[in-house]
Amino acid sequence: MNSAPQSPAEPGARRRMSGIGRVLVAVYGVLALAALGRSFVQIVQKFDEAPLAYTLSALAAVVYVIATIALVRSGRGWYRVAWATIVFELTGVLVVGTLSIALPGLFPHDTVWSWYGRGYLFIPLVLPVLGMWWLAKHRPAADAPVREPLAAAERPAQ
């Protein structure tokens, strides 16, 4: 048996990572890997053809990776990081999606967020809305430790 004391944030993290929460994290993880792979190939093979589009795809990939990690981790600090990345993601998909329709010449090649994520079955448009809903429903307790993301590595292993 594990006799290590549990912090107040851990039970909330377990609730957040059950059922739909696990599915949400899995979809974020898959999207992070897909965006990372796509942006890596685009930047290596043909960056000069559409530098803005490929840079935005790489930015989207980084946002998805950070959002995935923040959704898995417990504590108010990670909760805030999750909110920040998911709001940034929604803003990005709305802005880039609108610009890719209104000014198609600006994006000669698609990004992850072009046409509101059309190349990814519109998941980039729907996912942040679901993520924000999920975060709102699974807020950490007021007395939960902050657990700042950068200080997480300093915690003792359990």
N, C-alpha and C. Protein backbone atom coordinates (compact mmCIF):
# COMPACT_ATOMS: atom_id res chain seq x y z
N MET A 1 0.83 -1.19 0.00
CA MET A 1 0.00 0.00 0.00
C MET A 1 0.86 1.24 0.00
N ASN A 2 0.36 2.26 -0.62
CA ASN A 2 1.06 3.52 -0.67
C ASN A 2 0.68 4.33 0.56
N SER A 3 1.63 4.57 1.45
CA SER A 3 1.34 5.29 2.68
C SER A 3 1.65 6.78 2.56
N ALA A 4 2.05 7.22 1.37
CA ALA A 4 2.37 8.64 1.19
C ALA A 4 1.10 9.47 1.34
N PRO A 5 1.17 10.56 2.06
CA PRO A 5 -0.01 11.41 2.21
C PRO A 5 -0.40 12.02 0.87
N GLN A 6 -1.67 12.18 0.69
CA GLN A 6 -2.16 12.77 -0.56
C GLN A 6 -2.45 14.24 -0.34
N SER A 7 -2.07 15.03 -1.30
CA SER A 7 -2.35 16.46 -1.20
C SER A 7 -3.81 16.69 -1.55
N PRO A 8 -4.38 17.81 -1.11
CA PRO A 8 -5.77 18.09 -1.40
C PRO A 8 -6.07 18.18 -2.90
N ALA A 9 -5.07 18.49 -3.71
CA ALA A 9 -5.32 18.64 -5.15
C ALA A 9 -5.43 17.30 -5.86
N GLU A 10 -4.84 16.25 -5.31
CA GLU A 10 -4.83 14.97 -6.01
C GLU A 10 -6.20 14.36 -6.22
N PRO A 11 -7.11 14.34 -5.20
CA PRO A 11 -8.42 13.77 -5.46
C PRO A 11 -9.16 14.51 -6.57
N GLY A 12 -9.05 15.83 -6.61
CA GLY A 12 -9.70 16.60 -7.67
C GLY A 12 -9.11 16.28 -9.03
N ALA A 13 -7.80 16.05 -9.05
CA ALA A 13 -7.15 15.69 -10.31
C ALA A 13 -7.65 14.34 -10.78
N ARG A 14 -7.84 13.41 -9.85
CA ARG A 14 -8.35 12.09 -10.23
C ARG A 14 -9.76 12.21 -10.80
N ARG A 15 -10.61 13.03 -10.17
CA ARG A 15 -11.97 13.22 -10.70
C ARG A 15 -11.91 13.84 -12.08
N ARG A 16 -10.99 14.79 -12.27
CA ARG A 16 -10.87 15.46 -13.55
C ARG A 16 -10.37 14.50 -14.62
N MET A 17 -9.58 13.51 -14.22
CA MET A 17 -9.00 12.59 -15.18
C MET A 17 -9.76 11.27 -15.26
N SER A 18 -11.05 11.31 -15.06
CA SER A 18 -11.86 10.11 -15.23
C SER A 18 -12.92 10.39 -16.29
N GLY A 19 -13.41 9.35 -16.91
CA GLY A 19 -14.49 9.48 -17.88
C GLY A 19 -14.16 10.41 -19.03
N ILE A 20 -14.97 11.43 -19.16
CA ILE A 20 -14.82 12.38 -20.27
C ILE A 20 -13.48 13.12 -20.18
N GLY A 21 -12.99 13.34 -18.97
CA GLY A 21 -11.69 14.01 -18.80
C GLY A 21 -10.57 13.24 -19.46
N ARG A 22 -10.60 11.93 -19.33
CA ARG A 22 -9.58 11.10 -20.00
C ARG A 22 -9.69 11.19 -21.51
N VAL A 23 -10.91 11.19 -22.00
CA VAL A 23 -11.12 11.31 -23.45
C VAL A 23 -10.61 12.66 -23.93
N LEU A 24 -10.92 13.71 -23.20
CA LEU A 24 -10.46 15.06 -23.55
C LEU A 24 -8.95 15.12 -23.62
N VAL A 25 -8.28 14.57 -22.60
CA VAL A 25 -6.82 14.57 -22.58
C VAL A 25 -6.27 13.72 -23.72
N ALA A 26 -6.90 12.60 -24.00
CA ALA A 26 -6.44 11.74 -25.10
C ALA A 26 -6.55 12.47 -26.43
N VAL A 27 -7.64 13.17 -26.65
CA VAL A 27 -7.81 13.91 -27.91
C VAL A 27 -6.78 15.04 -27.99
N TYR A 28 -6.56 15.74 -26.89
CA TYR A 28 -5.52 16.78 -26.88
C TYR A 28 -4.16 16.17 -27.20
N GLY A 29 -3.87 15.02 -26.61
CA GLY A 29 -2.59 14.36 -26.86
C GLY A 29 -2.42 13.96 -28.32
N VAL A 30 -3.46 13.39 -28.90
CA VAL A 30 -3.40 12.99 -30.32
C VAL A 30 -3.24 14.23 -31.20
N LEU A 31 -4.00 15.28 -30.90
CA LEU A 31 -3.89 16.51 -31.69
C LEU A 31 -2.50 17.13 -31.53
N ALA A 32 -1.94 17.07 -30.34
CA ALA A 32 -0.58 17.59 -30.12
C ALA A 32 0.43 16.84 -30.97
N LEU A 33 0.34 15.51 -30.97
CA LEU A 33 1.26 14.71 -31.79
C LEU A 33 1.06 14.97 -33.28
N ALA A 34 -0.18 15.05 -33.71
CA ALA A 34 -0.46 15.30 -35.14
C ALA A 34 0.07 16.67 -35.56
N ALA A 35 -0.19 17.68 -34.74
CA ALA A 35 0.27 19.02 -35.08
C ALA A 35 1.79 19.12 -35.03
N LEU A 36 2.41 18.45 -34.05
CA LEU A 36 3.88 18.45 -33.99
C LEU A 36 4.48 17.80 -35.23
N GLY A 37 3.95 16.64 -35.58
CA GLY A 37 4.47 15.94 -36.76
C GLY A 37 4.28 16.73 -38.03
N ARG A 38 3.09 17.28 -38.20
CA ARG A 38 2.79 18.05 -39.40
C ARG A 38 3.69 19.28 -39.49
N SER A 39 3.79 20.02 -38.40
CA SER A 39 4.59 21.25 -38.45
C SER A 39 6.07 20.95 -38.65
N PHE A 40 6.56 19.88 -38.05
CA PHE A 40 7.96 19.50 -38.23
C PHE A 40 8.25 19.21 -39.71
N VAL A 41 7.41 18.40 -40.32
CA VAL A 41 7.60 18.06 -41.74
C VAL A 41 7.49 19.30 -42.61
N GLN A 42 6.50 20.15 -42.34
CA GLN A 42 6.32 21.35 -43.14
C GLN A 42 7.52 22.29 -43.02
N ILE A 43 8.01 22.48 -41.82
CA ILE A 43 9.13 23.41 -41.61
C ILE A 43 10.41 22.86 -42.23
N VAL A 44 10.65 21.57 -42.09
CA VAL A 44 11.87 20.97 -42.63
C VAL A 44 11.84 20.93 -44.16
N GLN A 45 10.70 20.58 -44.74
CA GLN A 45 10.65 20.35 -46.18
C GLN A 45 10.34 21.59 -47.01
N LYS A 46 9.49 22.48 -46.52
CA LYS A 46 9.06 23.58 -47.39
C LYS A 46 8.72 24.86 -46.64
N PHE A 47 9.51 25.20 -45.65
CA PHE A 47 9.25 26.38 -44.84
C PHE A 47 9.18 27.65 -45.70
N ASP A 48 10.02 27.75 -46.72
CA ASP A 48 10.07 28.97 -47.54
C ASP A 48 8.79 29.18 -48.36
N GLU A 49 7.97 28.16 -48.54
CA GLU A 49 6.73 28.30 -49.32
C GLU A 49 5.63 29.02 -48.54
N ALA A 50 5.57 28.84 -47.23
CA ALA A 50 4.52 29.45 -46.42
C ALA A 50 4.99 29.58 -44.97
N PRO A 51 5.95 30.47 -44.73
CA PRO A 51 6.52 30.56 -43.38
C PRO A 51 5.50 30.93 -42.30
N LEU A 52 4.56 31.80 -42.60
CA LEU A 52 3.55 32.18 -41.60
C LEU A 52 2.68 30.97 -41.24
N ALA A 53 2.20 30.28 -42.24
CA ALA A 53 1.33 29.12 -42.00
C ALA A 53 2.06 28.05 -41.20
N TYR A 54 3.29 27.77 -41.55
CA TYR A 54 4.02 26.71 -40.88
C TYR A 54 4.45 27.10 -39.47
N THR A 55 4.73 28.36 -39.27
CA THR A 55 5.05 28.85 -37.93
C THR A 55 3.81 28.76 -37.04
N LEU A 56 2.66 29.11 -37.60
CA LEU A 56 1.42 29.01 -36.83
C LEU A 56 1.09 27.55 -36.50
N SER A 57 1.37 26.65 -37.42
CA SER A 57 1.16 25.22 -37.13
C SER A 57 2.05 24.75 -35.99
N ALA A 58 3.30 25.22 -35.98
CA ALA A 58 4.22 24.86 -34.89
C ALA A 58 3.75 25.47 -33.57
N LEU A 59 3.28 26.71 -33.62
CA LEU A 59 2.75 27.35 -32.42
C LEU A 59 1.55 26.57 -31.89
N ALA A 60 0.65 26.17 -32.78
CA ALA A 60 -0.51 25.38 -32.37
C ALA A 60 -0.06 24.08 -31.72
N ALA A 61 0.95 23.45 -32.26
CA ALA A 61 1.45 22.19 -31.70
C ALA A 61 1.96 22.40 -30.28
N VAL A 62 2.71 23.46 -30.07
CA VAL A 62 3.24 23.76 -28.73
C VAL A 62 2.09 24.02 -27.75
N VAL A 63 1.09 24.77 -28.21
CA VAL A 63 -0.07 25.05 -27.37
C VAL A 63 -0.78 23.75 -26.98
N TYR A 64 -0.95 22.85 -27.94
CA TYR A 64 -1.61 21.57 -27.64
C TYR A 64 -0.81 20.72 -26.66
N VAL A 65 0.50 20.73 -26.80
CA VAL A 65 1.35 19.97 -25.88
C VAL A 65 1.22 20.54 -24.46
N ILE A 66 1.32 21.85 -24.33
CA ILE A 66 1.22 22.47 -23.00
C ILE A 66 -0.17 22.26 -22.41
N ALA A 67 -1.20 22.40 -23.23
CA ALA A 67 -2.58 22.18 -22.75
C ALA A 67 -2.76 20.75 -22.25
N THR A 68 -2.21 19.79 -22.99
CA THR A 68 -2.33 18.38 -22.59
C THR A 68 -1.67 18.16 -21.24
N ILE A 69 -0.46 18.66 -21.07
CA ILE A 69 0.26 18.51 -19.81
C ILE A 69 -0.51 19.20 -18.68
N ALA A 70 -0.99 20.41 -18.93
CA ALA A 70 -1.70 21.17 -17.90
C ALA A 70 -3.00 20.49 -17.49
N LEU A 71 -3.68 19.84 -18.41
CA LEU A 71 -4.91 19.15 -18.08
C LEU A 71 -4.65 17.92 -17.21
N VAL A 72 -3.50 17.29 -17.39
CA VAL A 72 -3.17 16.09 -16.63
C VAL A 72 -2.68 16.44 -15.23
N ARG A 73 -1.94 17.52 -15.09
CA ARG A 73 -1.34 17.88 -13.81
C ARG A 73 -2.37 18.46 -12.85
N SER A 74 -2.09 18.34 -11.56
CA SER A 74 -3.00 18.87 -10.55
C SER A 74 -2.48 20.19 -9.99
N GLY A 75 -3.33 20.88 -9.30
CA GLY A 75 -2.96 22.14 -8.65
C GLY A 75 -3.52 23.34 -9.38
N ARG A 76 -3.65 24.42 -8.61
CA ARG A 76 -4.22 25.65 -9.19
C ARG A 76 -3.32 26.26 -10.25
N GLY A 77 -2.00 26.13 -10.10
CA GLY A 77 -1.08 26.69 -11.11
C GLY A 77 -1.28 26.03 -12.47
N TRP A 78 -1.36 24.71 -12.47
CA TRP A 78 -1.59 24.00 -13.73
C TRP A 78 -2.99 24.26 -14.27
N TYR A 79 -3.95 24.44 -13.37
CA TYR A 79 -5.31 24.77 -13.78
C TYR A 79 -5.31 26.10 -14.56
N ARG A 80 -4.55 27.06 -14.04
CA ARG A 80 -4.45 28.36 -14.73
C ARG A 80 -3.75 28.23 -16.08
N VAL A 81 -2.71 27.40 -16.13
CA VAL A 81 -2.01 27.17 -17.40
C VAL A 81 -2.97 26.52 -18.40
N ALA A 82 -3.77 25.57 -17.93
CA ALA A 82 -4.74 24.93 -18.82
C ALA A 82 -5.71 25.97 -19.38
N TRP A 83 -6.24 26.82 -18.51
CA TRP A 83 -7.15 27.87 -18.99
C TRP A 83 -6.46 28.78 -20.01
N ALA A 84 -5.25 29.22 -19.69
CA ALA A 84 -4.54 30.15 -20.58
C ALA A 84 -4.29 29.52 -21.95
N THR A 85 -3.84 28.28 -21.97
CA THR A 85 -3.55 27.64 -23.26
C THR A 85 -4.82 27.37 -24.06
N ILE A 86 -5.88 26.99 -23.37
CA ILE A 86 -7.12 26.68 -24.09
C ILE A 86 -7.78 27.95 -24.61
N VAL A 87 -7.72 29.04 -23.84
CA VAL A 87 -8.25 30.32 -24.35
C VAL A 87 -7.41 30.80 -25.53
N PHE A 88 -6.08 30.66 -25.42
CA PHE A 88 -5.21 31.03 -26.53
C PHE A 88 -5.53 30.19 -27.76
N GLU A 89 -5.76 28.90 -27.55
CA GLU A 89 -6.10 27.99 -28.64
C GLU A 89 -7.39 28.43 -29.33
N LEU A 90 -8.42 28.71 -28.55
CA LEU A 90 -9.70 29.13 -29.14
C LEU A 90 -9.54 30.45 -29.90
N THR A 91 -8.80 31.38 -29.32
CA THR A 91 -8.54 32.65 -30.00
C THR A 91 -7.80 32.41 -31.31
N GLY A 92 -6.80 31.56 -31.27
CA GLY A 92 -6.03 31.26 -32.48
C GLY A 92 -6.87 30.64 -33.56
N VAL A 93 -7.68 29.66 -33.20
CA VAL A 93 -8.49 29.00 -34.23
C VAL A 93 -9.54 29.94 -34.79
N LEU A 94 -10.08 30.83 -33.97
CA LEU A 94 -11.07 31.79 -34.48
C LEU A 94 -10.43 32.84 -35.38
N VAL A 95 -9.28 33.37 -34.95
CA VAL A 95 -8.60 34.41 -35.74
C VAL A 95 -8.04 33.82 -37.03
N VAL A 96 -7.28 32.74 -36.92
CA VAL A 96 -6.68 32.14 -38.12
C VAL A 96 -7.76 31.57 -39.03
N GLY A 97 -8.78 30.97 -38.44
CA GLY A 97 -9.88 30.43 -39.25
C GLY A 97 -10.57 31.51 -40.05
N THR A 98 -10.85 32.63 -39.41
CA THR A 98 -11.50 33.74 -40.10
C THR A 98 -10.59 34.34 -41.15
N LEU A 99 -9.32 34.56 -40.81
CA LEU A 99 -8.38 35.13 -41.78
C LEU A 99 -8.16 34.20 -42.97
N SER A 100 -8.15 32.91 -42.75
CA SER A 100 -7.92 31.98 -43.85
C SER A 100 -9.09 31.97 -44.84
N ILE A 101 -10.26 32.35 -44.37
CA ILE A 101 -11.42 32.46 -45.26
C ILE A 101 -11.47 33.84 -45.90
N ALA A 102 -11.27 34.89 -45.09
CA ALA A 102 -11.37 36.26 -45.58
C ALA A 102 -10.18 36.67 -46.45
N LEU A 103 -9.00 36.21 -46.10
CA LEU A 103 -7.78 36.57 -46.83
C LEU A 103 -7.00 35.31 -47.17
N PRO A 104 -7.49 34.49 -48.09
CA PRO A 104 -6.84 33.22 -48.38
C PRO A 104 -5.39 33.35 -48.85
N GLY A 105 -5.03 34.47 -49.45
CA GLY A 105 -3.65 34.68 -49.89
C GLY A 105 -2.67 34.77 -48.74
N LEU A 106 -3.16 35.09 -47.57
CA LEU A 106 -2.30 35.18 -46.39
C LEU A 106 -1.78 33.81 -45.98
N PHE A 107 -2.54 32.78 -46.29
CA PHE A 107 -2.17 31.40 -45.95
C PHE A 107 -2.19 30.53 -47.20
N PRO A 108 -1.11 30.58 -47.99
CA PRO A 108 -1.10 29.77 -49.21
C PRO A 108 -1.15 28.27 -48.94
N HIS A 109 -0.76 27.86 -47.74
CA HIS A 109 -0.87 26.47 -47.30
C HIS A 109 -1.62 26.47 -45.97
N ASP A 110 -2.33 25.40 -45.72
CA ASP A 110 -3.14 25.32 -44.50
C ASP A 110 -2.28 25.23 -43.24
N THR A 111 -2.84 25.77 -42.17
CA THR A 111 -2.29 25.57 -40.83
C THR A 111 -3.25 24.63 -40.10
N VAL A 112 -2.90 24.28 -38.88
CA VAL A 112 -3.79 23.45 -38.07
C VAL A 112 -5.11 24.18 -37.86
N TRP A 113 -5.06 25.49 -37.75
CA TRP A 113 -6.26 26.28 -37.44
C TRP A 113 -6.95 26.86 -38.67
N SER A 114 -6.42 26.65 -39.88
CA SER A 114 -7.06 27.18 -41.09
C SER A 114 -8.47 26.64 -41.25
N TRP A 115 -9.34 27.51 -41.71
CA TRP A 115 -10.74 27.13 -41.94
C TRP A 115 -11.31 26.46 -40.67
N TYR A 116 -10.92 27.00 -39.53
CA TYR A 116 -11.40 26.52 -38.22
C TYR A 116 -11.06 25.06 -37.96
N GLY A 117 -9.94 24.61 -38.50
CA GLY A 117 -9.50 23.24 -38.27
C GLY A 117 -10.11 22.23 -39.21
N ARG A 118 -10.48 22.68 -40.39
CA ARG A 118 -11.12 21.79 -41.37
C ARG A 118 -10.27 20.55 -41.65
N GLY A 119 -8.97 20.71 -41.74
CA GLY A 119 -8.08 19.59 -42.03
C GLY A 119 -8.01 18.57 -40.89
N TYR A 120 -8.53 18.95 -39.74
CA TYR A 120 -8.55 18.07 -38.57
C TYR A 120 -10.00 17.82 -38.13
N LEU A 121 -10.90 17.80 -39.09
CA LEU A 121 -12.32 17.52 -38.85
C LEU A 121 -12.97 18.51 -37.88
N PHE A 122 -12.49 19.75 -37.87
CA PHE A 122 -12.99 20.84 -37.03
C PHE A 122 -12.78 20.58 -35.53
N ILE A 123 -11.97 19.60 -35.21
CA ILE A 123 -11.67 19.32 -33.80
C ILE A 123 -11.01 20.53 -33.14
N PRO A 124 -10.10 21.26 -33.83
CA PRO A 124 -9.51 22.44 -33.18
C PRO A 124 -10.52 23.52 -32.81
N LEU A 125 -11.68 23.53 -33.44
CA LEU A 125 -12.72 24.50 -33.10
C LEU A 125 -13.55 24.03 -31.91
N VAL A 126 -13.86 22.76 -31.87
CA VAL A 126 -14.72 22.21 -30.83
C VAL A 126 -13.96 21.93 -29.53
N LEU A 127 -12.73 21.47 -29.65
CA LEU A 127 -11.96 21.02 -28.49
C LEU A 127 -11.77 22.10 -27.42
N PRO A 128 -11.41 23.34 -27.76
CA PRO A 128 -11.24 24.32 -26.68
C PRO A 128 -12.55 24.66 -25.96
N VAL A 129 -13.65 24.61 -26.68
CA VAL A 129 -14.94 24.87 -26.03
C VAL A 129 -15.23 23.76 -25.01
N LEU A 130 -15.00 22.51 -25.41
CA LEU A 130 -15.17 21.40 -24.48
C LEU A 130 -14.17 21.49 -23.32
N GLY A 131 -12.95 21.88 -23.64
CA GLY A 131 -11.93 22.03 -22.60
C GLY A 131 -12.30 23.09 -21.58
N MET A 132 -12.82 24.22 -22.03
CA MET A 132 -13.22 25.28 -21.10
C MET A 132 -14.41 24.83 -20.26
N TRP A 133 -15.34 24.14 -20.88
CA TRP A 133 -16.49 23.61 -20.13
C TRP A 133 -15.99 22.65 -19.05
N TRP A 134 -15.08 21.76 -19.44
CA TRP A 134 -14.57 20.76 -18.50
C TRP A 134 -13.83 21.42 -17.34
N LEU A 135 -12.99 22.41 -17.66
CA LEU A 135 -12.26 23.11 -16.61
C LEU A 135 -13.20 23.84 -15.66
N ALA A 136 -14.24 24.44 -16.20
CA ALA A 136 -15.20 25.16 -15.36
C ALA A 136 -15.92 24.20 -14.41
N LYS A 137 -16.15 22.99 -14.85
CA LYS A 137 -16.84 21.99 -14.02
C LYS A 137 -15.91 21.31 -13.01
N HIS A 138 -14.61 21.39 -13.24
CA HIS A 138 -13.65 20.68 -12.39
C HIS A 138 -12.60 21.63 -11.83
N ARG A 139 -13.06 22.65 -11.21
CA ARG A 139 -12.20 23.66 -10.61
C ARG A 139 -11.51 23.07 -9.37
N PRO A 140 -10.21 23.36 -9.17
CA PRO A 140 -9.54 22.85 -7.95
C PRO A 140 -10.11 23.53 -6.71
N ALA A 141 -10.00 22.85 -5.60
CA ALA A 141 -10.49 23.39 -4.34
C ALA A 141 -9.75 24.67 -3.99
N ALA A 142 -10.44 25.57 -3.31
CA ALA A 142 -9.83 26.85 -2.95
C ALA A 142 -8.62 26.67 -2.05
N ASP A 143 -8.60 25.60 -1.26
CA ASP A 143 -7.48 25.38 -0.36
C ASP A 143 -6.40 24.48 -0.98
N ALA A 144 -6.56 24.13 -2.26
CA ALA A 144 -5.57 23.30 -2.94
C ALA A 144 -4.28 24.09 -3.12
N PRO A 145 -3.14 23.42 -3.03
CA PRO A 145 -1.88 24.13 -3.24
C PRO A 145 -1.80 24.66 -4.66
N VAL A 146 -1.07 25.75 -4.80
CA VAL A 146 -0.94 26.37 -6.12
C VAL A 146 -0.16 25.48 -7.07
N ARG A 147 0.92 24.88 -6.63
CA ARG A 147 1.77 24.01 -7.46
C ARG A 147 2.09 24.67 -8.80
N GLU A 148 2.90 25.66 -8.73
CA GLU A 148 3.30 26.36 -9.95
C GLU A 148 3.97 25.39 -10.90
N PRO A 149 3.70 25.50 -12.18
CA PRO A 149 4.25 24.56 -13.16
C PRO A 149 5.77 24.45 -13.14
N LEU A 150 6.48 25.53 -12.94
CA LEU A 150 7.93 25.47 -12.96
C LEU A 150 8.46 24.82 -11.69
N ALA A 151 7.72 24.89 -10.61
CA ALA A 151 8.16 24.30 -9.35
C ALA A 151 7.78 22.84 -9.26
N ALA A 152 7.03 22.32 -10.21
CA ALA A 152 6.56 20.93 -10.17
C ALA A 152 7.73 19.95 -10.16
N ALA A 153 8.80 20.27 -10.83
CA ALA A 153 9.95 19.37 -10.88
C ALA A 153 10.65 19.28 -9.53
N GLU A 154 10.41 20.22 -8.67
CA GLU A 154 11.07 20.24 -7.37
C GLU A 154 10.35 19.36 -6.35
N ARG A 155 9.16 18.87 -6.66
CA ARG A 155 8.41 18.04 -5.73
C ARG A 155 9.08 16.69 -5.59
N PRO A 156 9.04 16.09 -4.39
CA PRO A 156 9.61 14.75 -4.22
C PRO A 156 8.78 13.72 -4.97
N ALA A 157 9.44 12.70 -5.47
CA ALA A 157 8.75 11.63 -6.18
C ALA A 157 7.93 10.82 -5.19
N GLN A 158 6.78 10.32 -5.66
CA GLN A 158 5.92 9.52 -4.78
C GLN A 158 5.93 8.10 -5.21
